[in-house]
Amino acid sequence: MKLLIALALALPMFAHAYGETYRNMSENPYVPQEGKVTAKQICVDEKNEVFRVFVPQHNQEFCKSIRWDHSDSHYPKQVCVGRTVKVIPAQTVSVTPFYQTIVCTKYDRKDSTRPTCLKSEVQTAQYPASYIQYTYEAADWRKERPLSIKEIQIEDCK
């Protein structure tokens, strides 16, 4: 009996032998959040200044029209009329790394806790060509203690 208890207490020591899980963090929305990132999933085409992104097969919902349901007066809801679901096949898409963002250039600081924006402008920004990869033990189900953290550049397209 004591041997069984000792083995049960020692088993978490060997939990790291079952593999590793990966989590990726990036401002780039095209980088997968889980797993290892490969050049087949996303790559950088420097010549044309685009990301080539693999989009797996998925279902997409289309509506003929959208109506608002006001039966719950506090929270009106959108209702899809003439709903159809189509299967979108897997494909590789070229997306630009540039996007538009609104940036506040002048603030009203009369209220120090909540400065309000007086003037804003549209600026062009670029998604990064890198991401941060966190490696965890498979037993670390809460993803609290990464084994390693490294910044990785997205591979070039061939």
Protein backbone atom coordinates (compact mmCIF):
# COMPACT_ATOMS: atom_id res chain seq x y z
CA MET A 1 0.00 0.00 0.00
CA LYS A 2 2.83 2.36 0.89
CA LEU A 3 4.44 1.59 -2.47
CA LEU A 4 1.26 2.60 -4.33
CA ILE A 5 1.05 5.89 -2.43
CA ALA A 6 4.72 6.60 -3.15
CA LEU A 7 4.18 5.93 -6.87
CA ALA A 8 1.09 8.16 -6.96
CA LEU A 9 3.06 11.01 -5.39
CA ALA A 10 5.99 10.53 -7.78
CA LEU A 11 3.92 10.46 -11.01
CA PRO A 12 3.75 14.27 -11.46
CA MET A 13 7.56 14.25 -11.72
CA PHE A 14 7.30 12.31 -14.97
CA ALA A 15 4.45 14.35 -16.48
CA HIS A 16 6.80 16.45 -18.65
CA ALA A 17 7.74 13.35 -20.63
CA TYR A 18 4.40 13.41 -22.46
CA GLY A 19 5.20 16.38 -24.70
CA GLU A 20 4.93 20.10 -24.90
CA THR A 21 2.26 22.59 -25.90
CA TYR A 22 2.84 25.90 -27.64
CA ARG A 23 1.02 29.22 -27.37
CA ASN A 24 1.79 32.11 -29.72
CA MET A 25 1.29 35.81 -28.98
CA SER A 26 1.39 38.51 -31.64
CA GLU A 27 -0.34 41.70 -32.75
CA ASN A 28 -0.59 39.98 -36.13
CA PRO A 29 -4.09 38.39 -36.28
CA TYR A 30 -2.97 35.86 -38.92
CA VAL A 31 -0.53 34.03 -36.60
CA PRO A 32 -2.21 30.91 -35.10
CA GLN A 33 -2.63 31.17 -31.33
CA GLU A 34 -1.93 27.49 -30.59
CA GLY A 35 0.69 25.04 -31.84
CA LYS A 36 3.88 25.38 -33.86
CA VAL A 37 3.71 27.85 -36.74
CA THR A 38 4.88 26.53 -40.11
CA ALA A 39 5.55 28.21 -43.44
CA LYS A 40 2.48 26.42 -44.83
CA GLN A 41 0.26 28.26 -42.32
CA ILE A 42 1.75 31.76 -42.73
CA CYS A 43 4.76 33.13 -44.56
CA VAL A 44 6.10 36.53 -45.64
CA ASP A 45 6.39 37.37 -49.34
CA GLU A 46 8.94 40.22 -49.19
CA LYS A 47 8.85 40.80 -52.95
CA ASN A 48 5.12 41.60 -53.05
CA GLU A 49 4.91 42.87 -49.43
CA VAL A 50 2.15 40.44 -48.39
CA PHE A 51 1.52 37.63 -45.93
CA ARG A 52 0.44 34.34 -47.48
CA VAL A 53 -2.03 32.78 -45.04
CA PHE A 54 -3.59 29.31 -45.22
CA VAL A 55 -7.32 29.39 -44.37
CA PRO A 56 -8.71 25.91 -43.58
CA GLN A 57 -12.13 24.73 -44.76
CA HIS A 58 -14.89 26.28 -42.68
CA ASN A 59 -18.62 26.98 -42.65
CA GLN A 60 -19.82 30.56 -43.08
CA GLU A 61 -23.30 31.89 -42.38
CA PHE A 62 -24.95 34.28 -44.83
CA CYS A 63 -28.18 36.26 -44.31
CA LYS A 64 -30.53 37.72 -46.92
CA SER A 65 -31.34 40.53 -44.49
CA ILE A 66 -30.89 41.45 -40.84
CA ARG A 67 -33.68 42.67 -38.56
CA TRP A 68 -33.61 43.97 -35.02
CA ASP A 69 -35.63 42.17 -32.33
CA HIS A 70 -36.82 44.70 -29.72
CA SER A 71 -38.88 42.27 -27.61
CA ASP A 72 -36.29 42.60 -24.84
CA SER A 73 -36.31 46.39 -24.47
CA HIS A 74 -32.95 46.57 -22.73
CA TYR A 75 -30.94 44.58 -25.23
CA PRO A 76 -32.13 44.61 -28.86
CA LYS A 77 -30.74 41.68 -30.84
CA GLN A 78 -29.89 41.16 -34.50
CA VAL A 79 -31.94 38.43 -36.17
CA CYS A 80 -30.78 36.78 -39.38
CA VAL A 81 -33.55 36.39 -41.99
CA GLY A 82 -33.04 33.87 -44.79
CA ARG A 83 -30.06 32.14 -43.19
CA THR A 84 -27.89 29.94 -45.40
CA VAL A 85 -24.67 28.16 -44.47
CA LYS A 86 -22.03 27.61 -47.13
CA VAL A 87 -18.87 25.52 -46.93
CA ILE A 88 -15.84 27.64 -47.83
CA PRO A 89 -13.05 25.41 -49.20
CA ALA A 90 -9.48 25.54 -47.89
CA GLN A 91 -7.34 28.13 -49.66
CA THR A 92 -4.18 30.20 -49.38
CA VAL A 93 -4.88 33.93 -49.29
CA SER A 94 -2.52 36.89 -49.77
CA VAL A 95 -3.17 39.64 -47.21
CA THR A 96 -1.49 42.99 -46.85
CA PRO A 97 0.53 43.66 -43.69
CA PHE A 98 -0.69 47.28 -43.64
CA TYR A 99 -3.83 48.43 -41.83
CA GLN A 100 -5.49 51.72 -40.90
CA THR A 101 -5.82 52.83 -37.29
CA ILE A 102 -7.28 55.94 -35.65
CA VAL A 103 -4.82 57.73 -33.37
CA CYS A 104 -5.68 60.61 -31.06
CA THR A 105 -3.36 63.60 -31.61
CA LYS A 106 -4.85 66.16 -29.22
CA TYR A 107 -6.36 65.55 -25.78
CA ASP A 108 -8.50 67.66 -23.42
CA ARG A 109 -6.85 67.09 -20.03
CA LYS A 110 -9.24 69.11 -17.85
CA ASP A 111 -10.38 65.90 -16.18
CA SER A 112 -7.12 64.22 -15.23
CA THR A 113 -8.68 60.79 -14.71
CA ARG A 114 -10.36 60.65 -18.13
CA PRO A 115 -8.70 62.78 -20.82
CA THR A 116 -10.95 63.11 -23.87
CA CYS A 117 -9.79 63.08 -27.45
CA LEU A 118 -10.29 66.38 -29.30
CA LYS A 119 -8.54 65.62 -32.58
CA SER A 120 -7.70 62.30 -34.20
CA GLU A 121 -6.18 61.17 -37.46
CA VAL A 122 -5.96 57.97 -39.46
CA GLN A 123 -2.50 56.42 -39.61
CA THR A 124 -1.17 53.45 -41.53
CA ALA A 125 0.46 50.78 -39.38
CA GLN A 126 2.07 47.44 -40.21
CA TYR A 127 1.55 44.05 -38.59
CA PRO A 128 4.81 42.60 -37.22
CA ALA A 129 6.57 39.76 -39.04
CA SER A 130 7.39 38.06 -35.74
CA TYR A 131 5.61 36.43 -32.83
CA ILE A 132 6.45 35.27 -29.31
CA GLN A 133 6.24 31.51 -28.73
CA TYR A 134 5.63 30.20 -25.21
CA THR A 135 6.46 26.52 -24.62
CA TYR A 136 4.65 24.71 -21.79
CA GLU A 137 4.70 21.21 -20.35
CA ALA A 138 1.65 19.21 -21.39
CA ALA A 139 0.85 18.76 -17.68
CA ASP A 140 0.69 22.56 -17.16
CA TRP A 141 -2.99 22.81 -18.07
CA ARG A 142 -3.32 26.37 -16.68
CA LYS A 143 -0.37 27.61 -18.79
CA GLU A 144 1.26 29.28 -15.79
CA ARG A 145 4.93 28.32 -16.07
CA PRO A 146 6.46 28.45 -19.55
CA LEU A 147 9.53 26.28 -20.12
CA SER A 148 10.86 28.75 -22.69
CA ILE A 149 9.90 32.05 -24.29
CA LYS A 150 11.36 33.04 -27.65
CA GLU A 151 10.66 35.59 -30.35
CA ILE A 152 10.45 33.96 -33.77
CA GLN A 153 10.42 35.59 -37.21
CA ILE A 154 7.75 34.42 -39.65
CA GLU A 155 9.43 32.41 -42.41
CA ASP A 156 9.88 33.74 -45.95
CA CYS A 157 7.76 32.21 -48.72
CA LYS A 158 9.57 29.96 -51.14
